[in-house]
């Protein structure tokens, strides 16, 4: 299913960039990601396609 979208300039208050660093989770919680971003996104997309209404 196509989802309509429109590219537009940033809104006032939007962050110009967002970065994350999971090293604090390792330091504080002893947790380390076992999968890379590409694998996580592919897994999420696969779940979303199989469950278009979420958990309903």
C-alpha atoms as a PDB file:
ATOM      1  CA  UNK A   1       0.000   0.000   0.000  1.00  0.00           C
ATOM      2  CA  UNK A   2       1.392   3.403  -0.950  1.00  0.00           C
ATOM      3  CA  UNK A   3       1.549   5.974   1.822  1.00  0.00           C
ATOM      4  CA  UNK A   4       1.264   9.585   0.696  1.00  0.00           C
ATOM      5  CA  UNK A   5       4.037  11.875   1.886  1.00  0.00           C
ATOM      6  CA  UNK A   6       5.424  15.317   1.180  1.00  0.00           C
ATOM      7  CA  UNK A   7       9.012  16.533   1.572  1.00  0.00           C
ATOM      8  CA  UNK A   8       9.061  19.871   3.336  1.00  0.00           C
ATOM      9  CA  UNK A   9      11.569  22.167   5.017  1.00  0.00           C
ATOM     10  CA  UNK A  10      12.400  21.647   8.673  1.00  0.00           C
ATOM     11  CA  UNK A  11       9.918  23.121  11.118  1.00  0.00           C
ATOM     12  CA  UNK A  12      10.907  25.549  13.854  1.00  0.00           C
ATOM     13  CA  UNK A  13      12.302  23.509  16.729  1.00  0.00           C
ATOM     14  CA  UNK A  14      13.163  20.412  14.643  1.00  0.00           C
ATOM     15  CA  UNK A  15      16.616  19.035  15.387  1.00  0.00           C
ATOM     16  CA  UNK A  16      19.002  19.405  12.422  1.00  0.00           C
ATOM     17  CA  UNK A  17      20.540  15.971  13.140  1.00  0.00           C
ATOM     18  CA  UNK A  18      19.973  13.146  15.605  1.00  0.00           C
ATOM     19  CA  UNK A  19      22.754  10.810  16.699  1.00  0.00           C
ATOM     20  CA  UNK A  20      22.824   7.900  19.110  1.00  0.00           C
ATOM     21  CA  UNK A  21      25.620   6.110  20.918  1.00  0.00           C
ATOM     22  CA  UNK A  22      24.786   2.841  22.698  1.00  0.00           C
ATOM     23  CA  UNK A  23      28.007   2.822  24.753  1.00  0.00           C
ATOM     24  CA  UNK A  24      26.193   4.162  27.840  1.00  0.00           C
ATOM     25  CA  UNK A  25      23.879   1.116  27.791  1.00  0.00           C
ATOM     26  CA  UNK A  26      26.952  -1.123  27.843  1.00  0.00           C
ATOM     27  CA  UNK A  27      28.585   0.857  30.647  1.00  0.00           C
ATOM     28  CA  UNK A  28      25.512   1.250  32.872  1.00  0.00           C
ATOM     29  CA  UNK A  29      23.442  -1.837  32.028  1.00  0.00           C
ATOM     30  CA  UNK A  30      25.895  -4.311  30.567  1.00  0.00           C
ATOM     31  CA  UNK A  31      23.715  -4.443  27.425  1.00  0.00           C
ATOM     32  CA  UNK A  32      25.158  -4.590  23.930  1.00  0.00           C
ATOM     33  CA  UNK A  33      23.226  -4.701  20.660  1.00  0.00           C
ATOM     34  CA  UNK A  34      23.667  -8.031  18.891  1.00  0.00           C
ATOM     35  CA  UNK A  35      22.298  -6.908  15.518  1.00  0.00           C
ATOM     36  CA  UNK A  36      23.192  -4.051  13.204  1.00  0.00           C
ATOM     37  CA  UNK A  37      20.874  -1.261  12.123  1.00  0.00           C
ATOM     38  CA  UNK A  38      20.160  -2.813   8.698  1.00  0.00           C
ATOM     39  CA  UNK A  39      19.050  -6.105  10.291  1.00  0.00           C
ATOM     40  CA  UNK A  40      16.891  -4.320  12.871  1.00  0.00           C
ATOM     41  CA  UNK A  41      15.153  -2.168  10.262  1.00  0.00           C
ATOM     42  CA  UNK A  42      14.545  -5.189   7.998  1.00  0.00           C
ATOM     43  CA  UNK A  43      13.080  -7.150  10.924  1.00  0.00           C
ATOM     44  CA  UNK A  44      10.805  -4.274  11.912  1.00  0.00           C
ATOM     45  CA  UNK A  45       9.613  -3.802   8.324  1.00  0.00           C
ATOM     46  CA  UNK A  46       8.892  -7.533   7.998  1.00  0.00           C
ATOM     47  CA  UNK A  47       6.828  -7.444  11.216  1.00  0.00           C
ATOM     48  CA  UNK A  48       4.987  -4.294  10.115  1.00  0.00           C
ATOM     49  CA  UNK A  49       4.037  -5.860   6.766  1.00  0.00           C
ATOM     50  CA  UNK A  50       2.731  -8.973   8.528  1.00  0.00           C
ATOM     51  CA  UNK A  51       0.848  -6.921  11.160  1.00  0.00           C
ATOM     52  CA  UNK A  52      -0.483  -3.787   9.417  1.00  0.00           C
ATOM     53  CA  UNK A  53      -2.896  -3.097  12.300  1.00  0.00           C
ATOM     54  CA  UNK A  54      -0.248  -3.512  14.972  1.00  0.00           C
ATOM     55  CA  UNK A  55      -1.223  -5.579  18.016  1.00  0.00           C
ATOM     56  CA  UNK A  56      -5.001  -5.356  17.424  1.00  0.00           C
END
